[in-house]
Amino acid sequence: AYRMYNKPHTNVTESDAYEDLSAAQLFDMFDKNEDSAMTIFSDQVIQVSGTLLAKDFSNELEPQILLKTDKESGFIRCGFKPDELQILEQLKDSSNIKVKGICKGINGDDELTLLEDKDVILSSSIIIE
């Protein structure tokens, strides 16, 4: 636990992307086989391109955006550091963007009908296009 707590944090800006995928490709990999996708992408810096669906600034410590996928109830949820807020505010809905962030996996549960949406989560994200 001590080693994990003191582990250096990944600098997304300076890190090369492990993989460059569309939002639909990334979501499909998690949707088809979550365990396999976690093995490949967990805690990896990846680039994801897609169409901006929504912005959520309700959590001022981690403003977020959603990228569309080809599923009605599946999205890529990208969390950003607060200092990225000004850039995020300028993004236009339905614009095509590219985001780089650390893949944290998928949230949502097939057994919970209250959570119909599933999101693949990227943290410490930055806009690169």
C-alpha atoms as a PDB file:
ATOM      1  CA  ALA A   1       0.000   0.000   0.000  1.00  0.00           C
ATOM      2  CA  TYR A   2       2.849   2.373   0.825  1.00  0.00           C
ATOM      3  CA  ARG A   3       4.430   1.795  -2.582  1.00  0.00           C
ATOM      4  CA  MET A   4       1.119   2.447  -4.383  1.00  0.00           C
ATOM      5  CA  TYR A   5       0.505   5.645  -2.376  1.00  0.00           C
ATOM      6  CA  ASN A   6       3.956   6.993  -3.222  1.00  0.00           C
ATOM      7  CA  LYS A   7       3.914   5.796  -6.825  1.00  0.00           C
ATOM      8  CA  PRO A   8       4.656   8.694  -9.199  1.00  0.00           C
ATOM      9  CA  HIS A   9       1.566   9.995 -10.982  1.00  0.00           C
ATOM     10  CA  THR A  10       1.353   9.610 -14.740  1.00  0.00           C
ATOM     11  CA  ASN A  11       1.770  12.879 -16.631  1.00  0.00           C
ATOM     12  CA  VAL A  12      -0.721  12.486 -19.489  1.00  0.00           C
ATOM     13  CA  THR A  13       0.633  15.487 -21.390  1.00  0.00           C
ATOM     14  CA  GLU A  14       4.149  14.057 -21.536  1.00  0.00           C
ATOM     15  CA  SER A  15       3.155  10.400 -22.008  1.00  0.00           C
ATOM     16  CA  ASP A  16       2.835   8.708 -25.375  1.00  0.00           C
ATOM     17  CA  ALA A  17      -0.531   7.105 -25.983  1.00  0.00           C
ATOM     18  CA  TYR A  18      -0.565   3.326 -25.655  1.00  0.00           C
ATOM     19  CA  GLU A  19      -3.399   3.148 -28.197  1.00  0.00           C
ATOM     20  CA  ASP A  20      -5.348   5.516 -30.452  1.00  0.00           C
ATOM     21  CA  LEU A  21      -9.006   4.483 -30.837  1.00  0.00           C
ATOM     22  CA  SER A  22     -12.392   5.877 -31.718  1.00  0.00           C
ATOM     23  CA  ALA A  23     -14.922   6.169 -28.888  1.00  0.00           C
ATOM     24  CA  ALA A  24     -16.995   3.405 -30.514  1.00  0.00           C
ATOM     25  CA  GLN A  25     -14.012   1.035 -30.777  1.00  0.00           C
ATOM     26  CA  LEU A  26     -13.011   1.521 -27.135  1.00  0.00           C
ATOM     27  CA  PHE A  27     -16.541   1.072 -25.825  1.00  0.00           C
ATOM     28  CA  ASP A  28     -17.103  -2.057 -27.958  1.00  0.00           C
ATOM     29  CA  MET A  29     -13.975  -3.675 -26.550  1.00  0.00           C
ATOM     30  CA  PHE A  30     -15.199  -3.139 -22.982  1.00  0.00           C
ATOM     31  CA  ASP A  31     -18.781  -4.062 -23.823  1.00  0.00           C
ATOM     32  CA  LYS A  32     -17.815  -7.368 -25.473  1.00  0.00           C
ATOM     33  CA  ASN A  33     -15.196  -8.503 -22.949  1.00  0.00           C
ATOM     34  CA  GLU A  34     -14.592  -6.263 -19.956  1.00  0.00           C
ATOM     35  CA  ASP A  35     -11.921  -8.491 -18.401  1.00  0.00           C
ATOM     36  CA  SER A  36      -9.876  -8.607 -21.596  1.00  0.00           C
ATOM     37  CA  ALA A  37     -10.217  -4.855 -22.143  1.00  0.00           C
ATOM     38  CA  MET A  38      -9.151  -4.164 -18.546  1.00  0.00           C
ATOM     39  CA  THR A  39      -6.075  -6.329 -19.027  1.00  0.00           C
ATOM     40  CA  ILE A  40      -5.133  -4.321 -22.115  1.00  0.00           C
ATOM     41  CA  PHE A  41      -6.094  -0.765 -21.119  1.00  0.00           C
ATOM     42  CA  SER A  42      -6.192  -0.499 -17.315  1.00  0.00           C
ATOM     43  CA  ASP A  43      -4.138   2.508 -16.194  1.00  0.00           C
ATOM     44  CA  GLN A  44      -2.787   3.019 -19.717  1.00  0.00           C
ATOM     45  CA  VAL A  45      -2.673   6.440 -21.372  1.00  0.00           C
ATOM     46  CA  ILE A  46      -4.865   6.216 -24.467  1.00  0.00           C
ATOM     47  CA  GLN A  47      -6.167   8.598 -27.119  1.00  0.00           C
ATOM     48  CA  VAL A  48      -9.845   8.524 -27.984  1.00  0.00           C
ATOM     49  CA  SER A  49     -11.528  10.423 -30.784  1.00  0.00           C
ATOM     50  CA  GLY A  50     -15.234  11.022 -30.927  1.00  0.00           C
ATOM     51  CA  THR A  51     -18.173  13.383 -30.997  1.00  0.00           C
ATOM     52  CA  LEU A  52     -18.897  15.511 -27.941  1.00  0.00           C
ATOM     53  CA  LEU A  53     -22.288  14.562 -26.514  1.00  0.00           C
ATOM     54  CA  ALA A  54     -22.404  16.553 -23.271  1.00  0.00           C
ATOM     55  CA  LYS A  55     -20.402  18.547 -20.731  1.00  0.00           C
ATOM     56  CA  ASP A  56     -20.825  18.111 -16.980  1.00  0.00           C
ATOM     57  CA  PHE A  57     -19.266  20.755 -14.752  1.00  0.00           C
ATOM     58  CA  SER A  58     -21.236  19.891 -11.608  1.00  0.00           C
ATOM     59  CA  ASN A  59     -18.105  18.516  -9.911  1.00  0.00           C
ATOM     60  CA  GLU A  60     -15.727  21.465  -9.851  1.00  0.00           C
ATOM     61  CA  LEU A  61     -12.841  19.193  -8.815  1.00  0.00           C
ATOM     62  CA  GLU A  62     -13.273  17.052 -11.948  1.00  0.00           C
ATOM     63  CA  PRO A  63     -15.159  18.606 -14.853  1.00  0.00           C
ATOM     64  CA  GLN A  64     -16.258  15.940 -17.343  1.00  0.00           C
ATOM     65  CA  ILE A  65     -17.354  15.434 -20.906  1.00  0.00           C
ATOM     66  CA  LEU A  66     -19.141  12.534 -22.596  1.00  0.00           C
ATOM     67  CA  LEU A  67     -18.197  11.211 -26.022  1.00  0.00           C
ATOM     68  CA  LYS A  68     -20.766   9.377 -28.122  1.00  0.00           C
ATOM     69  CA  THR A  69     -20.311   5.754 -29.079  1.00  0.00           C
ATOM     70  CA  ASP A  70     -22.413   3.639 -31.424  1.00  0.00           C
ATOM     71  CA  LYS A  71     -24.500   2.406 -28.465  1.00  0.00           C
ATOM     72  CA  GLU A  72     -27.488   4.339 -27.134  1.00  0.00           C
ATOM     73  CA  SER A  73     -26.564   3.644 -23.511  1.00  0.00           C
ATOM     74  CA  GLY A  74     -22.773   3.612 -23.668  1.00  0.00           C
ATOM     75  CA  PHE A  75     -20.378   6.544 -23.555  1.00  0.00           C
ATOM     76  CA  ILE A  76     -16.768   7.507 -22.944  1.00  0.00           C
ATOM     77  CA  ARG A  77     -16.679   9.689 -19.810  1.00  0.00           C
ATOM     78  CA  CYS A  78     -13.560  11.857 -19.641  1.00  0.00           C
ATOM     79  CA  GLY A  79     -12.596  13.537 -16.386  1.00  0.00           C
ATOM     80  CA  PHE A  80     -10.312  16.573 -16.407  1.00  0.00           C
ATOM     81  CA  LYS A  81      -8.351  18.551 -13.863  1.00  0.00           C
ATOM     82  CA  PRO A  82      -9.963  21.858 -12.841  1.00  0.00           C
ATOM     83  CA  ASP A  83      -7.363  23.906 -14.751  1.00  0.00           C
ATOM     84  CA  GLU A  84      -8.763  22.468 -18.032  1.00  0.00           C
ATOM     85  CA  LEU A  85     -12.228  23.968 -17.388  1.00  0.00           C
ATOM     86  CA  GLN A  86     -11.720  27.039 -19.583  1.00  0.00           C
ATOM     87  CA  ILE A  87     -10.818  24.828 -22.574  1.00  0.00           C
ATOM     88  CA  LEU A  88     -13.804  22.563 -21.930  1.00  0.00           C
ATOM     89  CA  GLU A  89     -16.221  25.486 -21.742  1.00  0.00           C
ATOM     90  CA  GLN A  90     -15.238  26.502 -25.287  1.00  0.00           C
ATOM     91  CA  LEU A  91     -16.049  23.091 -26.805  1.00  0.00           C
ATOM     92  CA  LYS A  92     -19.151  22.989 -28.982  1.00  0.00           C
ATOM     93  CA  ASP A  93     -21.676  20.159 -28.662  1.00  0.00           C
ATOM     94  CA  SER A  94     -21.471  17.617 -31.494  1.00  0.00           C
ATOM     95  CA  SER A  95     -17.916  18.700 -32.367  1.00  0.00           C
ATOM     96  CA  ASN A  96     -15.330  16.030 -33.139  1.00  0.00           C
ATOM     97  CA  ILE A  97     -12.520  16.009 -30.607  1.00  0.00           C
ATOM     98  CA  LYS A  98      -9.580  13.900 -29.534  1.00  0.00           C
ATOM     99  CA  VAL A  99      -8.884  13.287 -25.862  1.00  0.00           C
ATOM    100  CA  LYS A 100      -5.915  11.677 -24.144  1.00  0.00           C
ATOM    101  CA  GLY A 101      -6.328  10.236 -20.661  1.00  0.00           C
ATOM    102  CA  ILE A 102      -5.725   7.340 -18.299  1.00  0.00           C
ATOM    103  CA  CYS A 103      -8.174   4.467 -18.788  1.00  0.00           C
ATOM    104  CA  LYS A 104      -9.804   3.432 -15.515  1.00  0.00           C
ATOM    105  CA  GLY A 105     -12.282   0.867 -16.839  1.00  0.00           C
ATOM    106  CA  ILE A 106     -16.043   0.774 -17.187  1.00  0.00           C
ATOM    107  CA  ASN A 107     -18.759   1.723 -14.731  1.00  0.00           C
ATOM    108  CA  GLY A 108     -22.316   0.468 -14.698  1.00  0.00           C
ATOM    109  CA  ASP A 109     -23.605  -3.001 -13.871  1.00  0.00           C
ATOM    110  CA  ASP A 110     -25.673  -5.351 -16.011  1.00  0.00           C
ATOM    111  CA  GLU A 111     -27.510  -6.557 -12.906  1.00  0.00           C
ATOM    112  CA  LEU A 112     -28.605  -3.094 -11.780  1.00  0.00           C
ATOM    113  CA  THR A 113     -31.475  -1.924 -13.927  1.00  0.00           C
ATOM    114  CA  LEU A 114     -31.247   1.552 -12.427  1.00  0.00           C
ATOM    115  CA  LEU A 115     -27.919   2.075 -14.177  1.00  0.00           C
ATOM    116  CA  GLU A 116     -28.720   1.461 -17.789  1.00  0.00           C
ATOM    117  CA  ASP A 117     -25.855   3.600 -19.047  1.00  0.00           C
ATOM    118  CA  LYS A 118     -22.315   2.285 -19.069  1.00  0.00           C
ATOM    119  CA  ASP A 119     -19.336   4.592 -19.317  1.00  0.00           C
ATOM    120  CA  VAL A 120     -15.722   3.797 -20.083  1.00  0.00           C
ATOM    121  CA  ILE A 121     -13.803   6.150 -17.802  1.00  0.00           C
ATOM    122  CA  LEU A 122     -10.726   8.211 -18.674  1.00  0.00           C
ATOM    123  CA  SER A 123      -9.145  10.315 -15.930  1.00  0.00           C
ATOM    124  CA  SER A 124      -6.585  13.135 -15.949  1.00  0.00           C
ATOM    125  CA  SER A 125      -7.680  13.818 -19.504  1.00  0.00           C
ATOM    126  CA  ILE A 126      -6.505  16.552 -21.849  1.00  0.00           C
ATOM    127  CA  ILE A 127      -7.938  17.773 -25.156  1.00  0.00           C
ATOM    128  CA  ILE A 128      -5.431  17.253 -27.949  1.00  0.00           C
ATOM    129  CA  GLU A 129      -7.569  18.293 -30.934  1.00  0.00           C
END
